[in-house]
Amino acid sequence: MRRPGFDEALVAPHLAFLDELRAQGLLELNGGFADRSGGAYLLRGIANLAEAEAIVARDPLALHGASDIVVHAWLAR
């Protein structure tokens, strides 16, 4: 979720980060929320929650404190 004072200049580096994950075969899908409050992305092939947290910690939105990023293990069927 975006924090107050969100810097739109971080969107391009964030999208480049997602493109890198996709090229590595780690990103299943991504997209922004319709109300522009934030977005979500789904990682694949991740061994455990700690690995997922390490990956998203490299997201420019996390590095610059622009968004609150929460990782959830999803037991989809």
N, C-alpha and C. Protein backbone atom coordinates (compact mmCIF):
# COMPACT_ATOMS: atom_id res chain seq x y z
N MET A 1 0.84 -1.17 0.00
CA MET A 1 0.00 0.00 0.00
C MET A 1 0.89 1.24 0.00
N ARG A 2 0.49 2.22 -0.75
CA ARG A 2 1.26 3.47 -0.83
C ARG A 2 1.19 4.22 0.49
N ARG A 3 2.31 4.80 0.85
CA ARG A 3 2.37 5.65 2.04
C ARG A 3 2.06 7.09 1.65
N PRO A 4 1.65 7.92 2.61
CA PRO A 4 1.42 9.33 2.30
C PRO A 4 2.69 9.94 1.71
N GLY A 5 2.52 10.81 0.73
CA GLY A 5 3.66 11.44 0.08
C GLY A 5 4.34 10.54 -0.94
N PHE A 6 3.64 9.51 -1.40
CA PHE A 6 4.20 8.57 -2.37
C PHE A 6 4.84 9.30 -3.54
N ASP A 7 6.05 8.91 -3.89
CA ASP A 7 6.80 9.53 -4.98
C ASP A 7 6.55 8.76 -6.28
N GLU A 8 5.82 9.35 -7.20
CA GLU A 8 5.50 8.71 -8.48
C GLU A 8 6.74 8.37 -9.29
N ALA A 9 7.86 9.05 -9.02
CA ALA A 9 9.10 8.77 -9.74
C ALA A 9 9.62 7.36 -9.46
N LEU A 10 9.13 6.73 -8.40
CA LEU A 10 9.58 5.38 -8.07
C LEU A 10 8.81 4.29 -8.83
N VAL A 11 7.78 4.68 -9.56
CA VAL A 11 6.99 3.69 -10.30
C VAL A 11 7.84 3.04 -11.39
N ALA A 12 8.59 3.82 -12.15
CA ALA A 12 9.41 3.26 -13.23
C ALA A 12 10.46 2.27 -12.69
N PRO A 13 11.22 2.60 -11.64
CA PRO A 13 12.16 1.61 -11.10
C PRO A 13 11.44 0.36 -10.55
N HIS A 14 10.27 0.56 -9.97
CA HIS A 14 9.49 -0.57 -9.46
C HIS A 14 9.09 -1.49 -10.61
N LEU A 15 8.61 -0.92 -11.70
CA LEU A 15 8.22 -1.73 -12.85
C LEU A 15 9.43 -2.43 -13.47
N ALA A 16 10.58 -1.77 -13.49
CA ALA A 16 11.80 -2.41 -13.98
C ALA A 16 12.18 -3.59 -13.08
N PHE A 17 12.01 -3.44 -11.78
CA PHE A 17 12.26 -4.52 -10.83
C PHE A 17 11.34 -5.70 -11.14
N LEU A 18 10.07 -5.42 -11.38
CA LEU A 18 9.12 -6.49 -11.71
C LEU A 18 9.49 -7.16 -13.02
N ASP A 19 9.93 -6.38 -14.01
CA ASP A 19 10.37 -6.96 -15.29
C ASP A 19 11.55 -7.90 -15.07
N GLU A 20 12.45 -7.52 -14.17
CA GLU A 20 13.60 -8.37 -13.85
C GLU A 20 13.14 -9.69 -13.22
N LEU A 21 12.20 -9.60 -12.30
CA LEU A 21 11.66 -10.82 -11.68
C LEU A 21 11.00 -11.71 -12.73
N ARG A 22 10.27 -11.08 -13.66
CA ARG A 22 9.60 -11.85 -14.71
C ARG A 22 10.64 -12.55 -15.59
N ALA A 23 11.70 -11.85 -15.94
CA ALA A 23 12.76 -12.43 -16.77
C ALA A 23 13.44 -13.60 -16.07
N GLN A 24 13.48 -13.56 -14.76
CA GLN A 24 14.08 -14.64 -13.97
C GLN A 24 13.11 -15.79 -13.73
N GLY A 25 11.88 -15.65 -14.21
CA GLY A 25 10.87 -16.68 -14.03
C GLY A 25 10.26 -16.69 -12.64
N LEU A 26 10.40 -15.59 -11.89
CA LEU A 26 9.90 -15.53 -10.51
C LEU A 26 8.56 -14.83 -10.37
N LEU A 27 8.13 -14.09 -11.39
CA LEU A 27 6.90 -13.30 -11.30
C LEU A 27 5.80 -13.96 -12.12
N GLU A 28 4.70 -14.28 -11.46
CA GLU A 28 3.55 -14.88 -12.13
C GLU A 28 2.65 -13.80 -12.73
N LEU A 29 2.28 -12.82 -11.91
CA LEU A 29 1.44 -11.71 -12.38
C LEU A 29 1.58 -10.53 -11.43
N ASN A 30 1.17 -9.37 -11.93
CA ASN A 30 1.22 -8.16 -11.12
C ASN A 30 0.19 -7.16 -11.64
N GLY A 31 -0.15 -6.21 -10.80
CA GLY A 31 -1.05 -5.15 -11.23
C GLY A 31 -1.38 -4.21 -10.10
N GLY A 32 -1.79 -3.01 -10.49
CA GLY A 32 -2.18 -2.00 -9.51
C GLY A 32 -3.65 -2.11 -9.16
N PHE A 33 -4.00 -1.62 -7.99
CA PHE A 33 -5.40 -1.59 -7.56
C PHE A 33 -6.11 -0.44 -8.27
N ALA A 34 -7.38 -0.63 -8.57
CA ALA A 34 -8.15 0.37 -9.31
C ALA A 34 -8.20 1.72 -8.60
N ASP A 35 -8.15 1.71 -7.27
CA ASP A 35 -8.22 2.97 -6.54
C ASP A 35 -6.85 3.64 -6.37
N ARG A 36 -5.80 3.07 -6.98
CA ARG A 36 -4.44 3.61 -6.97
C ARG A 36 -3.82 3.66 -5.56
N SER A 37 -4.33 2.84 -4.66
CA SER A 37 -3.79 2.80 -3.30
C SER A 37 -2.56 1.91 -3.19
N GLY A 38 -2.30 1.16 -4.22
CA GLY A 38 -1.17 0.24 -4.22
C GLY A 38 -1.36 -0.81 -5.28
N GLY A 39 -0.80 -1.98 -5.05
CA GLY A 39 -0.91 -3.06 -6.01
C GLY A 39 -0.47 -4.37 -5.38
N ALA A 40 -0.35 -5.37 -6.21
CA ALA A 40 0.06 -6.68 -5.72
C ALA A 40 0.83 -7.39 -6.82
N TYR A 41 1.71 -8.30 -6.39
CA TYR A 41 2.34 -9.19 -7.36
C TYR A 41 2.48 -10.57 -6.74
N LEU A 42 2.44 -11.55 -7.62
CA LEU A 42 2.46 -12.95 -7.23
C LEU A 42 3.76 -13.58 -7.70
N LEU A 43 4.55 -14.05 -6.74
CA LEU A 43 5.81 -14.72 -7.05
C LEU A 43 5.57 -16.21 -7.20
N ARG A 44 6.40 -16.87 -8.00
CA ARG A 44 6.27 -18.31 -8.17
C ARG A 44 7.64 -18.97 -8.00
N GLY A 45 7.62 -20.23 -7.64
CA GLY A 45 8.86 -20.98 -7.52
C GLY A 45 9.72 -20.56 -6.35
N ILE A 46 9.09 -20.01 -5.31
CA ILE A 46 9.81 -19.54 -4.14
C ILE A 46 9.79 -20.65 -3.09
N ALA A 47 10.95 -20.90 -2.48
CA ALA A 47 11.07 -22.03 -1.54
C ALA A 47 10.33 -21.81 -0.23
N ASN A 48 10.33 -20.57 0.27
CA ASN A 48 9.71 -20.32 1.57
C ASN A 48 9.43 -18.82 1.74
N LEU A 49 8.76 -18.50 2.80
CA LEU A 49 8.37 -17.12 3.07
C LEU A 49 9.58 -16.20 3.22
N ALA A 50 10.64 -16.69 3.85
CA ALA A 50 11.84 -15.87 4.04
C ALA A 50 12.46 -15.48 2.69
N GLU A 51 12.45 -16.40 1.73
CA GLU A 51 12.99 -16.09 0.40
C GLU A 51 12.13 -15.02 -0.28
N ALA A 52 10.82 -15.14 -0.17
CA ALA A 52 9.92 -14.14 -0.75
C ALA A 52 10.15 -12.77 -0.11
N GLU A 53 10.31 -12.74 1.21
CA GLU A 53 10.55 -11.47 1.90
C GLU A 53 11.87 -10.85 1.47
N ALA A 54 12.89 -11.66 1.24
CA ALA A 54 14.18 -11.15 0.78
C ALA A 54 14.06 -10.55 -0.62
N ILE A 55 13.26 -11.18 -1.47
CA ILE A 55 13.06 -10.66 -2.82
C ILE A 55 12.34 -9.32 -2.78
N VAL A 56 11.23 -9.23 -2.08
CA VAL A 56 10.46 -7.98 -2.08
C VAL A 56 11.19 -6.87 -1.33
N ALA A 57 12.13 -7.20 -0.47
CA ALA A 57 12.91 -6.17 0.22
C ALA A 57 13.79 -5.41 -0.77
N ARG A 58 14.04 -5.99 -1.95
CA ARG A 58 14.83 -5.32 -2.99
C ARG A 58 13.99 -4.42 -3.88
N ASP A 59 12.68 -4.47 -3.73
CA ASP A 59 11.77 -3.63 -4.52
C ASP A 59 12.07 -2.17 -4.21
N PRO A 60 12.26 -1.33 -5.23
CA PRO A 60 12.52 0.09 -4.99
C PRO A 60 11.47 0.77 -4.09
N LEU A 61 10.23 0.31 -4.15
CA LEU A 61 9.21 0.90 -3.28
C LEU A 61 9.49 0.60 -1.82
N ALA A 62 10.06 -0.57 -1.55
CA ALA A 62 10.45 -0.93 -0.18
C ALA A 62 11.74 -0.22 0.21
N LEU A 63 12.71 -0.22 -0.69
CA LEU A 63 14.01 0.40 -0.40
C LEU A 63 13.89 1.88 -0.04
N HIS A 64 12.94 2.56 -0.68
CA HIS A 64 12.76 4.00 -0.45
C HIS A 64 11.63 4.32 0.53
N GLY A 65 11.03 3.28 1.12
CA GLY A 65 9.97 3.50 2.10
C GLY A 65 8.72 4.14 1.54
N ALA A 66 8.48 3.96 0.23
CA ALA A 66 7.34 4.59 -0.42
C ALA A 66 6.04 3.82 -0.20
N SER A 67 6.18 2.52 0.05
CA SER A 67 5.01 1.67 0.22
C SER A 67 5.23 0.69 1.37
N ASP A 68 4.14 0.30 1.98
CA ASP A 68 4.18 -0.79 2.96
C ASP A 68 3.96 -2.08 2.17
N ILE A 69 4.97 -2.95 2.16
CA ILE A 69 4.88 -4.19 1.41
C ILE A 69 4.77 -5.34 2.39
N VAL A 70 3.72 -6.12 2.22
CA VAL A 70 3.43 -7.24 3.09
C VAL A 70 3.48 -8.52 2.26
N VAL A 71 4.14 -9.54 2.76
CA VAL A 71 4.24 -10.82 2.07
C VAL A 71 3.31 -11.82 2.75
N HIS A 72 2.54 -12.51 1.92
CA HIS A 72 1.63 -13.54 2.42
C HIS A 72 1.92 -14.84 1.67
N ALA A 73 1.92 -15.94 2.37
CA ALA A 73 1.93 -17.25 1.72
C ALA A 73 0.49 -17.56 1.33
N TRP A 74 0.28 -17.85 0.07
CA TRP A 74 -1.07 -18.06 -0.44
C TRP A 74 -1.23 -19.53 -0.80
N LEU A 75 -2.17 -20.19 -0.19
CA LEU A 75 -2.44 -21.60 -0.44
C LEU A 75 -3.57 -21.73 -1.46
N ALA A 76 -3.24 -21.39 -2.71
CA ALA A 76 -4.24 -21.39 -3.78
C ALA A 76 -4.52 -22.80 -4.25
N ARG A 77 -5.73 -22.99 -4.79
CA ARG A 77 -6.10 -24.30 -5.34
C ARG A 77 -6.56 -24.11 -6.77
